[in-house]
PDB file of N, CA and C in Angstrom:
ATOM      1  N   UNK A   1     -25.810   5.550  39.898  1.00  0.00           N
ATOM      2  CA  UNK A   1     -25.155   4.473  39.941  1.00  0.00           C
ATOM      3  C   UNK A   1     -23.698   4.469  39.628  1.00  0.00           C
ATOM      4  N   UNK A   2     -22.631   3.901  40.157  1.00  0.00           N
ATOM      5  CA  UNK A   2     -21.199   4.578  40.062  1.00  0.00           C
ATOM      6  C   UNK A   2     -20.722   3.614  38.649  1.00  0.00           C
ATOM      7  N   UNK A   3     -21.436   2.637  38.935  1.00  0.00           N
ATOM      8  CA  UNK A   3     -20.664   1.555  37.726  1.00  0.00           C
ATOM      9  C   UNK A   3     -21.336   1.760  36.319  1.00  0.00           C
ATOM     10  N   UNK A   4     -22.236   2.321  36.416  1.00  0.00           N
ATOM     11  CA  UNK A   4     -23.002   2.534  34.868  1.00  0.00           C
ATOM     12  C   UNK A   4     -22.399   4.108  34.826  1.00  0.00           C
ATOM     13  N   UNK A   5     -21.685   5.155  35.386  1.00  0.00           N
ATOM     14  CA  UNK A   5     -21.057   6.443  35.376  1.00  0.00           C
ATOM     15  C   UNK A   5     -19.688   5.836  34.814  1.00  0.00           C
ATOM     16  N   UNK A   6     -18.972   5.169  35.284  1.00  0.00           N
ATOM     17  CA  UNK A   6     -17.720   4.711  34.812  1.00  0.00           C
ATOM     18  C   UNK A   6     -17.845   4.060  33.500  1.00  0.00           C
ATOM     19  N   UNK A   7     -19.070   3.057  33.452  1.00  0.00           N
ATOM     20  CA  UNK A   7     -19.151   2.414  31.996  1.00  0.00           C
ATOM     21  C   UNK A   7     -19.397   3.610  30.660  1.00  0.00           C
ATOM     22  N   UNK A   8     -20.124   4.426  31.241  1.00  0.00           N
ATOM     23  CA  UNK A   8     -20.267   5.678  29.937  1.00  0.00           C
ATOM     24  C   UNK A   8     -19.201   6.323  30.028  1.00  0.00           C
ATOM     25  N   UNK A   9     -18.110   6.413  31.008  1.00  0.00           N
ATOM     26  CA  UNK A   9     -16.733   7.050  30.687  1.00  0.00           C
ATOM     27  C   UNK A   9     -15.891   6.315  29.911  1.00  0.00           C
ATOM     28  N   UNK A  10     -16.240   5.207  30.059  1.00  0.00           N
ATOM     29  CA  UNK A  10     -15.238   3.999  29.297  1.00  0.00           C
ATOM     30  C   UNK A  10     -15.723   4.470  27.909  1.00  0.00           C
ATOM     31  N   UNK A  11     -16.788   4.169  27.586  1.00  0.00           N
ATOM     32  CA  UNK A  11     -17.521   4.072  26.118  1.00  0.00           C
ATOM     33  C   UNK A  11     -17.021   5.110  25.428  1.00  0.00           C
ATOM     34  N   UNK A  12     -17.196   6.335  26.083  1.00  0.00           N
ATOM     35  CA  UNK A  12     -16.841   7.860  25.719  1.00  0.00           C
ATOM     36  C   UNK A  12     -15.425   7.766  25.191  1.00  0.00           C
ATOM     37  N   UNK A  13     -14.769   7.246  26.083  1.00  0.00           N
ATOM     38  CA  UNK A  13     -13.383   7.682  25.973  1.00  0.00           C
ATOM     39  C   UNK A  13     -12.628   6.679  24.688  1.00  0.00           C
ATOM     40  N   UNK A  14     -13.342   5.221  24.710  1.00  0.00           N
ATOM     41  CA  UNK A  14     -13.273   4.580  23.416  1.00  0.00           C
ATOM     42  C   UNK A  14     -13.745   5.232  22.207  1.00  0.00           C
ATOM     43  N   UNK A  15     -14.669   5.767  22.017  1.00  0.00           N
ATOM     44  CA  UNK A  15     -15.110   6.604  20.962  1.00  0.00           C
ATOM     45  C   UNK A  15     -14.329   7.924  20.531  1.00  0.00           C
ATOM     46  N   UNK A  16     -13.605   8.497  21.667  1.00  0.00           N
ATOM     47  CA  UNK A  16     -12.876   9.647  21.407  1.00  0.00           C
ATOM     48  C   UNK A  16     -11.778   9.070  20.664  1.00  0.00           C
ATOM     49  N   UNK A  17     -11.157   7.858  21.297  1.00  0.00           N
ATOM     50  CA  UNK A  17      -9.819   7.391  20.984  1.00  0.00           C
ATOM     51  C   UNK A  17     -10.186   6.705  19.481  1.00  0.00           C
ATOM     52  N   UNK A  18     -11.187   6.146  18.878  1.00  0.00           N
ATOM     53  CA  UNK A  18     -11.488   5.648  17.815  1.00  0.00           C
ATOM     54  C   UNK A  18     -11.306   6.819  16.975  1.00  0.00           C
ATOM     55  N   UNK A  19     -11.779   8.014  17.195  1.00  0.00           N
ATOM     56  CA  UNK A  19     -11.977   9.028  16.028  1.00  0.00           C
ATOM     57  C   UNK A  19     -10.719   9.633  16.004  1.00  0.00           C
ATOM     58  N   UNK A  20     -10.028   9.718  17.120  1.00  0.00           N
ATOM     59  CA  UNK A  20      -8.411  10.130  17.185  1.00  0.00           C
ATOM     60  C   UNK A  20      -7.711   9.128  16.023  1.00  0.00           C
ATOM     61  N   UNK A  21      -7.677   7.846  16.273  1.00  0.00           N
ATOM     62  CA  UNK A  21      -7.081   7.046  15.236  1.00  0.00           C
ATOM     63  C   UNK A  21      -7.348   7.303  14.144  1.00  0.00           C
ATOM     64  N   UNK A  22      -8.643   7.355  13.716  1.00  0.00           N
ATOM     65  CA  UNK A  22      -9.056   7.553  12.314  1.00  0.00           C
ATOM     66  C   UNK A  22      -8.637   9.076  11.742  1.00  0.00           C
ATOM     67  N   UNK A  23      -8.234   9.962  12.617  1.00  0.00           N
ATOM     68  CA  UNK A  23      -7.831  11.295  11.972  1.00  0.00           C
ATOM     69  C   UNK A  23      -6.110  11.076  11.809  1.00  0.00           C
ATOM     70  N   UNK A  24      -5.570  10.418  12.921  1.00  0.00           N
ATOM     71  CA  UNK A  24      -4.364  10.034  12.760  1.00  0.00           C
ATOM     72  C   UNK A  24      -3.928   9.047  11.369  1.00  0.00           C
ATOM     73  N   UNK A  25      -4.854   8.267  11.245  1.00  0.00           N
ATOM     74  CA  UNK A  25      -4.388   7.575  10.047  1.00  0.00           C
ATOM     75  C   UNK A  25      -4.564   8.248   8.712  1.00  0.00           C
ATOM     76  N   UNK A  26      -5.956   9.017   8.756  1.00  0.00           N
ATOM     77  CA  UNK A  26      -5.852  10.151   7.437  1.00  0.00           C
ATOM     78  C   UNK A  26      -4.664  10.678   7.232  1.00  0.00           C
ATOM     79  N   UNK A  27      -4.011  11.315   8.505  1.00  0.00           N
ATOM     80  CA  UNK A  27      -3.148  12.182   8.069  1.00  0.00           C
ATOM     81  C   UNK A  27      -1.829  11.392   7.648  1.00  0.00           C
ATOM     82  N   UNK A  28      -1.665  10.183   8.213  1.00  0.00           N
ATOM     83  CA  UNK A  28      -0.295   9.410   7.646  1.00  0.00           C
ATOM     84  C   UNK A  28      -0.790   9.126   6.407  1.00  0.00           C
ATOM     85  N   UNK A  29      -1.976   8.865   5.869  1.00  0.00           N
ATOM     86  CA  UNK A  29      -2.403   8.280   4.512  1.00  0.00           C
ATOM     87  C   UNK A  29      -1.921   9.491   3.593  1.00  0.00           C
ATOM     88  N   UNK A  30      -2.466  10.745   4.027  1.00  0.00           N
ATOM     89  CA  UNK A  30      -2.026  11.761   3.208  1.00  0.00           C
ATOM     90  C   UNK A  30      -0.548  12.180   2.883  1.00  0.00           C
ATOM     91  N   UNK A  31       0.275  12.012   4.041  1.00  0.00           N
ATOM     92  CA  UNK A  31       1.674  12.285   3.995  1.00  0.00           C
ATOM     93  C   UNK A  31       2.470  11.403   3.143  1.00  0.00           C
ATOM     94  N   UNK A  32       1.837  10.116   3.238  1.00  0.00           N
ATOM     95  CA  UNK A  32       2.394   9.103   2.230  1.00  0.00           C
ATOM     96  C   UNK A  32       2.153   9.559   0.782  1.00  0.00           C
ATOM     97  N   UNK A  33       0.891   9.770   0.512  1.00  0.00           N
ATOM     98  CA  UNK A  33       0.588  10.278  -0.919  1.00  0.00           C
ATOM     99  C   UNK A  33       1.159  11.749  -1.406  1.00  0.00           C
ATOM    100  N   UNK A  34       1.394  12.196  -0.434  1.00  0.00           N
ATOM    101  CA  UNK A  34       2.258  13.425  -0.880  1.00  0.00           C
ATOM    102  C   UNK A  34       3.495  13.184  -1.156  1.00  0.00           C
ATOM    103  N   UNK A  35       4.241  12.322  -0.450  1.00  0.00           N
ATOM    104  CA  UNK A  35       5.609  12.034  -0.530  1.00  0.00           C
ATOM    105  C   UNK A  35       6.055  11.415  -2.150  1.00  0.00           C
ATOM    106  N   UNK A  36       4.625  10.518  -2.464  1.00  0.00           N
ATOM    107  CA  UNK A  36       4.600  10.281  -3.946  1.00  0.00           C
ATOM    108  C   UNK A  36       3.855  10.873  -4.799  1.00  0.00           C
ATOM    109  N   UNK A  37       3.703  12.175  -4.759  1.00  0.00           N
ATOM    110  CA  UNK A  37       2.691  12.735  -5.542  1.00  0.00           C
ATOM    111  C   UNK A  37       3.492  12.831  -6.984  1.00  0.00           C
ATOM    112  N   UNK A  38       4.752  13.098  -6.999  1.00  0.00           N
ATOM    113  CA  UNK A  38       5.501  13.416  -8.405  1.00  0.00           C
ATOM    114  C   UNK A  38       5.749  11.872  -9.253  1.00  0.00           C
ATOM    115  N   UNK A  39       5.426  10.806  -8.692  1.00  0.00           N
ATOM    116  CA  UNK A  39       5.519   9.465  -9.104  1.00  0.00           C
ATOM    117  C   UNK A  39       4.661   9.415 -10.235  1.00  0.00           C
ATOM    118  N   UNK A  40       5.456   9.094 -11.622  1.00  0.00           N
ATOM    119  CA  UNK A  40       4.795   8.711 -12.628  1.00  0.00           C
ATOM    120  C   UNK A  40       4.867   7.470 -13.112  1.00  0.00           C
ATOM    121  N   UNK A  41       5.531   6.444 -12.509  1.00  0.00           N
ATOM    122  CA  UNK A  41       5.750   5.017 -12.801  1.00  0.00           C
ATOM    123  C   UNK A  41       4.399   4.251 -12.525  1.00  0.00           C
ATOM    124  N   UNK A  42       3.877   4.043 -13.370  1.00  0.00           N
ATOM    125  CA  UNK A  42       2.433   3.262 -13.182  1.00  0.00           C
ATOM    126  C   UNK A  42       2.502   1.780 -12.291  1.00  0.00           C
ATOM    127  N   UNK A  43       3.675   1.218 -12.652  1.00  0.00           N
ATOM    128  CA  UNK A  43       3.989   0.211 -11.716  1.00  0.00           C
ATOM    129  C   UNK A  43       4.048   0.305 -10.149  1.00  0.00           C
ATOM    130  N   UNK A  44       4.923   1.473  -9.955  1.00  0.00           N
ATOM    131  CA  UNK A  44       4.884   2.031  -8.419  1.00  0.00           C
ATOM    132  C   UNK A  44       3.464   2.172  -7.805  1.00  0.00           C
ATOM    133  N   UNK A  45       3.055   3.261  -8.840  1.00  0.00           N
ATOM    134  CA  UNK A  45       1.885   3.544  -8.241  1.00  0.00           C
ATOM    135  C   UNK A  45       0.756   2.502  -7.920  1.00  0.00           C
ATOM    136  N   UNK A  46       0.637   1.495  -8.778  1.00  0.00           N
ATOM    137  CA  UNK A  46      -0.250   0.404  -8.601  1.00  0.00           C
ATOM    138  C   UNK A  46       0.078  -0.472  -7.287  1.00  0.00           C
ATOM    139  N   UNK A  47       1.400  -0.509  -6.959  1.00  0.00           N
ATOM    140  CA  UNK A  47       2.209  -1.080  -5.956  1.00  0.00           C
ATOM    141  C   UNK A  47       1.601  -0.169  -4.861  1.00  0.00           C
ATOM    142  N   UNK A  48       2.059   1.142  -4.842  1.00  0.00           N
ATOM    143  CA  UNK A  48       1.567   1.840  -3.576  1.00  0.00           C
ATOM    144  C   UNK A  48       0.143   1.543  -3.192  1.00  0.00           C
ATOM    145  N   UNK A  49      -0.667   1.688  -4.105  1.00  0.00           N
ATOM    146  CA  UNK A  49      -2.213   1.714  -4.099  1.00  0.00           C
ATOM    147  C   UNK A  49      -2.417   0.224  -3.326  1.00  0.00           C
ATOM    148  N   UNK A  50      -1.986  -0.726  -3.822  1.00  0.00           N
ATOM    149  CA  UNK A  50      -2.398  -2.186  -3.177  1.00  0.00           C
ATOM    150  C   UNK A  50      -1.594  -2.103  -1.713  1.00  0.00           C
ATOM    151  N   UNK A  51      -0.625  -1.590  -1.520  1.00  0.00           N
ATOM    152  CA  UNK A  51       0.165  -1.844  -0.184  1.00  0.00           C
ATOM    153  C   UNK A  51      -0.502  -0.631   0.814  1.00  0.00           C
ATOM    154  N   UNK A  52      -0.884   0.241   0.388  1.00  0.00           N
ATOM    155  CA  UNK A  52      -2.256   1.267   0.889  1.00  0.00           C
ATOM    156  C   UNK A  52      -3.510   0.426   1.404  1.00  0.00           C
ATOM    157  N   UNK A  53      -4.002  -0.104   0.489  1.00  0.00           N
ATOM    158  CA  UNK A  53      -5.147  -1.176   0.809  1.00  0.00           C
ATOM    159  C   UNK A  53      -5.135  -2.204   1.872  1.00  0.00           C
ATOM    160  N   UNK A  54      -3.865  -2.802   1.635  1.00  0.00           N
ATOM    161  CA  UNK A  54      -3.644  -3.973   2.595  1.00  0.00           C
ATOM    162  C   UNK A  54      -3.419  -3.127   3.850  1.00  0.00           C
ATOM    163  N   UNK A  55      -2.618  -2.434   4.115  1.00  0.00           N
ATOM    164  CA  UNK A  55      -2.444  -1.645   5.188  1.00  0.00           C
ATOM    165  C   UNK A  55      -3.712  -1.347   5.966  1.00  0.00           C
ATOM    166  N   UNK A  56      -4.862  -0.844   5.143  1.00  0.00           N
ATOM    167  CA  UNK A  56      -5.885  -0.533   5.753  1.00  0.00           C
ATOM    168  C   UNK A  56      -6.753  -1.450   6.366  1.00  0.00           C
ATOM    169  N   UNK A  57      -6.767  -2.668   5.639  1.00  0.00           N
ATOM    170  CA  UNK A  57      -7.297  -3.733   5.826  1.00  0.00           C
ATOM    171  C   UNK A  57      -6.709  -4.684   7.140  1.00  0.00           C
ATOM    172  N   UNK A  58      -5.260  -4.056   7.194  1.00  0.00           N
ATOM    173  CA  UNK A  58      -4.949  -5.062   8.352  1.00  0.00           C
ATOM    174  C   UNK A  58      -5.183  -4.099   9.673  1.00  0.00           C
ATOM    175  N   UNK A  59      -5.173  -2.663   9.627  1.00  0.00           N
ATOM    176  CA  UNK A  59      -5.454  -1.768  10.828  1.00  0.00           C
ATOM    177  C   UNK A  59      -6.860  -2.267  11.040  1.00  0.00           C
ATOM    178  N   UNK A  60      -8.017  -2.351  10.080  1.00  0.00           N
ATOM    179  CA  UNK A  60      -9.250  -2.695  10.386  1.00  0.00           C
ATOM    180  C   UNK A  60      -9.368  -3.726  11.210  1.00  0.00           C
ATOM    181  N   UNK A  61      -8.836  -5.131  10.750  1.00  0.00           N
ATOM    182  CA  UNK A  61      -8.750  -6.014  11.463  1.00  0.00           C
ATOM    183  C   UNK A  61      -8.247  -6.090  13.050  1.00  0.00           C
ATOM    184  N   UNK A  62      -7.201  -5.289  13.021  1.00  0.00           N
ATOM    185  CA  UNK A  62      -6.416  -5.012  14.392  1.00  0.00           C
ATOM    186  C   UNK A  62      -7.471  -4.231  15.122  1.00  0.00           C
ATOM    187  N   UNK A  63      -8.335  -3.342  14.882  1.00  0.00           N
ATOM    188  CA  UNK A  63      -9.134  -2.417  15.603  1.00  0.00           C
ATOM    189  C   UNK A  63     -10.326  -3.299  15.680  1.00  0.00           C
ATOM    190  N   UNK A  64     -10.703  -4.121  15.060  1.00  0.00           N
ATOM    191  CA  UNK A  64     -11.882  -4.941  15.161  1.00  0.00           C
ATOM    192  C   UNK A  64     -11.481  -6.122  16.580  1.00  0.00           C
ATOM    193  N   UNK A  65     -10.413  -6.422  16.186  1.00  0.00           N
ATOM    194  CA  UNK A  65      -9.874  -7.475  17.221  1.00  0.00           C
ATOM    195  C   UNK A  65      -9.900  -6.612  18.871  1.00  0.00           C
ATOM    196  N   UNK A  66      -9.526  -5.415  19.026  1.00  0.00           N
ATOM    197  CA  UNK A  66      -9.570  -4.556  20.010  1.00  0.00           C
ATOM    198  C   UNK A  66     -10.996  -4.350  20.439  1.00  0.00           C
ATOM    199  N   UNK A  67     -11.927  -4.452  19.573  1.00  0.00           N
ATOM    200  CA  UNK A  67     -13.164  -3.813  19.858  1.00  0.00           C
ATOM    201  C   UNK A  67     -13.660  -2.586  19.421  1.00  0.00           C
ATOM    202  N   UNK A  68     -12.700  -2.049  18.809  1.00  0.00           N
ATOM    203  CA  UNK A  68     -13.267  -0.495  18.383  1.00  0.00           C
ATOM    204  C   UNK A  68     -14.087  -0.523  17.296  1.00  0.00           C
TER     205      UNK A  68
END
């Protein structure tokens, strides 16, 4: 059946895109951490951690709304 074949392709494509986005996110997070590697200011470190956590939450919410 053509419809089920198209649906399978759609689902596979969505899974590939999700995996790609996860990898891209890891890469972006790593770059941010490397950029601030030498930071010794505890207040700034706490800020960066909370900022990163909030960004992850927003991204998760956005992906949930998109059905990923």
